[in-house]
Amino acid sequence: MQIFVGLGNPGAKYAQNRHNIGFMAVERIAEAHGFGPWKSKFQGAISEGRLGGDKVLLLKPETFMNLSGQSVGEAMRFYKLAPGDVTVFHDELDLAPGKCRVKTGGGHAGHNGLRSIHAHIGEAYRRVRLGIGHPGRKELVAGYVLHDFARGDAEWLDDLMRGLADGAPHLAEGDQSRFQNAVAQRMAPARPSKPAPPPKAEAPAAAAPPEEDSRNPLQKLVDKFR
C-alpha cells in the first residue's frame, strides 16, 4: 500500500490558490481513477482506490499547510508504512509554471508543508514537485502562493492535472520515467505529421524546332504566288 499526499490549505477560500496545487493533483487522480468518496480521517480527507495493481490512499491534510506532517505521520503509522511508501505532491517555486519533477529525499527548501513532514517522518519520502514559478522577489512569495492561479494559467494547469492522472499508475509502480513521459505528453502533445507536399507538375515538353526549309529561292517564289 502507498499514500499519495496532496499539500494545500483546507476551505473554499484557498481552493484555487497556487499553494493548493497538491490538493488539485490528488483530487484529479481520484476522479480519473474512480477512487472512493472523500472521508475525514487522520486529521485530513482521505479517498481509497487502486492504481494498477497497487492500493493507494489519497490524503489531503486539513491541519493547514504548516502542520501537514501531523496528518501524514498519523496515516503512515496507522498502516505501518515506511517513508518510502509516501509520495507528496506540492507546489514548487523553483520550477517554471507547468513543469513537473520527481525526487526522493533531500531538503525542504523552506516549504512549510515539507518542513512539517520532515519533522514527523524524516526526509526519505518521494516528492512530485509541481512548478508554479517565482514572483521574482522573496518578500512577494507569501502573497504569491496564497493567491489564486491567473485565468491565463487555466489551460496549462488543466493539461498538467490530466498528465498527473494519466501517469499516476506508473508512479505507483515506481516507474518515474513513464510517469514523467505521461505528464510531458499532455503538456506538449506530439504534433501531427505534416502532409507530404503534392507532386510537382511536369514541365511541358519543349516545342520541337521548326524543320529546315530546303527549297531553293526560285521554288520559294513560285510557291508564294500559288
Protein backbone atom coordinates (compact mmCIF):
# COMPACT_ATOMS: atom_id res chain seq x y z
CA MET A 1 0.00 0.00 0.00
CA GLN A 2 1.04 3.57 -0.68
CA ILE A 3 -0.03 7.04 0.43
CA PHE A 4 -0.25 9.86 -2.11
CA VAL A 5 -0.40 13.17 -0.22
CA GLY A 6 -1.53 16.43 -1.77
CA LEU A 7 -0.48 19.58 0.09
CA GLY A 8 -2.71 22.62 0.46
CA ASN A 9 -4.91 24.54 2.86
CA PRO A 10 -8.50 23.48 3.64
CA GLY A 11 -11.54 25.58 2.81
CA ALA A 12 -13.10 27.27 -0.22
CA LYS A 13 -11.06 30.42 0.41
CA TYR A 14 -7.87 28.61 -0.55
CA ALA A 15 -9.19 26.13 -3.11
CA GLN A 16 -7.73 27.83 -6.21
CA ASN A 17 -4.52 29.12 -4.59
CA ARG A 18 -1.17 28.25 -6.14
CA HIS A 19 -0.25 26.73 -2.76
CA ASN A 20 -3.11 24.22 -3.23
CA ILE A 21 -1.87 22.61 -6.42
CA GLY A 22 -1.12 19.44 -4.41
CA PHE A 23 -4.79 19.19 -3.37
CA MET A 24 -5.77 19.69 -7.02
CA ALA A 25 -3.46 16.87 -8.12
CA VAL A 26 -4.83 14.18 -5.80
CA GLU A 27 -8.41 15.30 -6.47
CA ARG A 28 -7.86 14.82 -10.21
CA ILE A 29 -6.27 11.41 -9.64
CA ALA A 30 -9.27 10.34 -7.52
CA GLU A 31 -11.69 11.50 -10.19
CA ALA A 32 -9.84 9.92 -13.11
CA HIS A 33 -9.34 6.52 -11.47
CA GLY A 34 -12.67 6.02 -9.74
CA PHE A 35 -11.50 6.32 -6.13
CA GLY A 36 -13.99 6.17 -3.29
CA PRO A 37 -15.69 9.20 -1.71
CA TRP A 38 -13.62 11.54 0.42
CA LYS A 39 -13.91 10.86 4.16
CA SER A 40 -12.49 12.55 7.24
CA LYS A 41 -9.64 10.66 8.88
CA PHE A 42 -6.04 11.22 10.05
CA GLN A 43 -6.68 14.96 10.53
CA GLY A 44 -7.41 15.16 6.85
CA ALA A 45 -9.60 13.98 3.97
CA ILE A 46 -8.88 10.53 2.51
CA SER A 47 -10.01 8.63 -0.58
CA GLU A 48 -9.13 4.99 -1.24
CA GLY A 49 -8.66 3.18 -4.54
CA ARG A 50 -6.24 1.34 -6.78
CA LEU A 51 -3.69 2.45 -9.32
CA GLY A 52 -2.80 -0.54 -11.44
CA GLY A 53 -2.15 -3.37 -9.00
CA ASP A 54 -1.40 -1.08 -6.06
CA LYS A 55 -3.77 0.01 -3.30
CA VAL A 56 -3.35 3.73 -2.76
CA LEU A 57 -4.65 6.08 -0.08
CA LEU A 58 -5.04 9.68 -1.24
CA LEU A 59 -4.64 12.15 1.62
CA LYS A 60 -5.31 15.89 1.88
CA PRO A 61 -4.13 17.11 5.30
CA GLU A 62 -6.63 19.55 6.82
CA THR A 63 -4.31 20.83 9.52
CA PHE A 64 -3.28 23.79 7.32
CA MET A 65 -0.01 23.67 5.42
CA ASN A 66 2.39 24.35 8.30
CA LEU A 67 1.19 21.27 10.23
CA SER A 68 0.80 18.83 7.32
CA GLY A 69 3.25 16.38 8.88
CA GLN A 70 0.84 15.58 11.72
CA SER A 71 -1.69 14.12 9.28
CA VAL A 72 0.88 12.32 7.14
CA GLY A 73 2.63 10.80 10.16
CA GLU A 74 -0.64 9.57 11.66
CA ALA A 75 -1.71 7.85 8.43
CA MET A 76 1.72 6.31 7.88
CA ARG A 77 1.86 4.87 11.39
CA PHE A 78 -1.70 3.52 11.18
CA TYR A 79 -0.86 1.46 8.09
CA LYS A 80 2.65 0.61 9.35
CA LEU A 81 4.26 2.08 6.27
CA ALA A 82 7.76 3.44 5.71
CA PRO A 83 8.60 6.94 4.41
CA GLY A 84 9.42 5.34 1.05
CA ASP A 85 5.73 4.41 0.69
CA VAL A 86 4.72 8.09 0.82
CA THR A 87 4.57 10.42 -2.20
CA VAL A 88 3.88 14.12 -1.66
CA PHE A 89 2.53 16.42 -4.40
CA HIS A 90 3.40 20.06 -3.72
CA ASP A 91 3.90 23.47 -5.28
CA GLU A 92 7.45 24.35 -6.34
CA LEU A 93 8.58 27.96 -6.71
CA ASP A 94 11.88 27.00 -8.32
CA LEU A 95 10.24 25.37 -11.35
CA ALA A 96 8.58 27.21 -14.21
CA PRO A 97 4.78 27.00 -14.30
CA GLY A 98 3.64 23.59 -15.56
CA LYS A 99 6.95 21.83 -15.05
CA CYS A 100 6.93 18.58 -13.07
CA ARG A 101 9.87 16.84 -11.44
CA VAL A 102 10.14 13.82 -9.14
CA LYS A 103 12.75 13.38 -6.42
CA THR A 104 13.25 11.31 -3.29
CA GLY A 105 14.85 12.69 -0.16
CA GLY A 106 16.70 15.97 0.21
CA GLY A 107 15.88 19.22 1.94
CA HIS A 108 12.58 21.05 2.19
CA ALA A 109 13.88 24.29 0.57
CA GLY A 110 11.84 26.38 3.01
CA HIS A 111 8.49 24.89 2.02
CA ASN A 112 6.47 24.86 5.25
CA GLY A 113 4.46 21.78 4.36
CA LEU A 114 7.58 19.77 3.59
CA ARG A 115 9.30 21.15 6.65
CA SER A 116 6.48 19.76 8.82
CA ILE A 117 6.56 16.37 7.06
CA HIS A 118 10.33 16.19 7.55
CA ALA A 119 9.79 16.73 11.28
CA HIS A 120 7.29 13.88 11.54
CA ILE A 121 8.55 11.17 9.14
CA GLY A 122 12.03 12.23 8.06
CA GLU A 123 13.12 13.14 4.54
CA ALA A 124 13.18 9.75 2.77
CA TYR A 125 9.83 10.17 1.03
CA ARG A 126 9.15 10.88 -2.63
CA ARG A 127 8.06 14.32 -3.81
CA VAL A 128 6.31 15.35 -7.02
CA ARG A 129 7.35 18.97 -7.47
CA LEU A 130 4.77 20.97 -9.43
CA GLY A 131 6.10 24.22 -10.85
CA ILE A 132 4.20 27.43 -10.18
CA GLY A 133 7.01 29.88 -10.97
CA HIS A 134 8.51 32.55 -8.71
CA PRO A 135 7.22 36.12 -8.24
CA GLY A 136 10.78 37.43 -8.52
CA ARG A 137 11.41 38.74 -5.01
CA LYS A 138 11.44 36.86 -1.71
CA GLU A 139 9.13 39.29 0.05
CA LEU A 140 6.43 38.62 -2.57
CA VAL A 141 6.39 34.84 -2.12
CA ALA A 142 3.77 34.58 0.65
CA GLY A 143 1.23 36.67 -1.25
CA TYR A 144 2.02 34.89 -4.50
CA VAL A 145 1.46 31.32 -3.27
CA LEU A 146 -1.69 32.31 -1.36
CA HIS A 147 -3.20 33.94 -4.45
CA ASP A 148 -5.41 32.15 -6.98
CA PHE A 149 -3.99 30.99 -10.28
CA ALA A 150 -4.47 33.58 -13.02
CA ARG A 151 -7.02 33.00 -15.77
CA GLY A 152 -4.18 32.64 -18.21
CA ASP A 153 -2.90 29.64 -16.23
CA ALA A 154 -6.09 27.61 -16.73
CA GLU A 155 -5.03 25.78 -19.89
CA TRP A 156 -1.60 24.59 -18.77
CA LEU A 157 -2.93 23.80 -15.28
CA ASP A 158 -5.63 21.53 -16.72
CA ASP A 159 -3.10 19.83 -19.01
CA LEU A 160 -0.80 19.26 -16.03
CA MET A 161 -3.61 17.74 -13.95
CA ARG A 162 -4.56 15.42 -16.81
CA GLY A 163 -0.94 14.36 -17.18
CA LEU A 164 -0.61 13.62 -13.47
CA ALA A 165 -3.75 11.48 -13.59
CA ASP A 166 -2.54 9.67 -16.73
CA GLY A 167 0.82 8.92 -15.16
CA ALA A 168 -0.35 8.06 -11.63
CA PRO A 169 -0.39 4.24 -12.19
CA HIS A 170 3.23 4.41 -13.41
CA LEU A 171 4.20 6.45 -10.36
CA ALA A 172 2.56 3.88 -8.08
CA GLU A 173 4.54 1.07 -9.68
CA GLY A 174 7.77 3.04 -9.31
CA ASP A 175 8.30 3.85 -12.98
CA GLN A 176 9.14 7.53 -12.71
CA SER A 177 10.29 7.77 -16.32
CA ARG A 178 6.91 6.67 -17.71
CA PHE A 179 5.17 8.95 -15.23
CA GLN A 180 7.20 11.93 -16.43
CA ASN A 181 6.53 10.96 -20.06
CA ALA A 182 2.78 10.85 -19.43
CA VAL A 183 2.90 14.37 -18.00
CA ALA A 184 5.11 15.62 -20.82
CA GLN A 185 2.75 14.27 -23.48
CA ARG A 186 -0.12 16.27 -22.00
CA MET A 187 1.97 19.41 -21.66
CA ALA A 188 3.46 19.21 -25.17
CA PRO A 189 1.41 16.75 -27.26
CA ALA A 190 3.05 15.34 -30.37
CA ARG A 191 2.30 17.48 -33.38
CA PRO A 192 0.59 15.75 -36.31
CA SER A 193 2.99 14.95 -39.09
CA LYS A 194 2.90 17.39 -41.99
CA PRO A 195 1.18 16.07 -45.12
CA ALA A 196 3.50 15.22 -47.96
CA PRO A 197 3.77 18.05 -50.50
CA PRO A 198 1.83 17.44 -53.76
CA PRO A 199 3.97 16.15 -56.62
CA LYS A 200 5.39 18.86 -58.79
CA ALA A 201 3.70 19.27 -62.16
CA GLU A 202 5.86 18.11 -65.00
CA ALA A 203 7.21 20.89 -67.15
CA PRO A 204 5.67 20.97 -70.63
CA ALA A 205 7.82 19.37 -73.28
CA ALA A 206 9.86 21.85 -75.24
CA ALA A 207 8.46 22.63 -78.68
CA ALA A 208 10.22 20.84 -81.49
CA PRO A 209 12.42 23.18 -83.59
CA PRO A 210 10.94 24.10 -86.99
CA GLU A 211 12.06 21.93 -89.87
CA GLU A 212 14.72 23.48 -92.06
CA ASP A 213 13.32 24.84 -95.38
CA SER A 214 15.19 23.04 -98.11
CA ARG A 215 13.54 24.83 -101.08
CA ASN A 216 15.70 26.89 -103.45
CA PRO A 217 14.88 30.61 -103.90
CA LEU A 218 13.09 30.03 -107.24
CA GLN A 219 10.83 27.36 -105.70
CA LYS A 220 10.02 29.64 -102.75
CA LEU A 221 8.99 32.43 -105.17
CA VAL A 222 6.80 30.08 -107.18
CA ASP A 223 5.12 28.70 -104.03
CA LYS A 224 4.44 32.25 -102.82
CA PHE A 225 2.21 33.04 -105.80
CA ARG A 226 0.32 29.79 -105.93
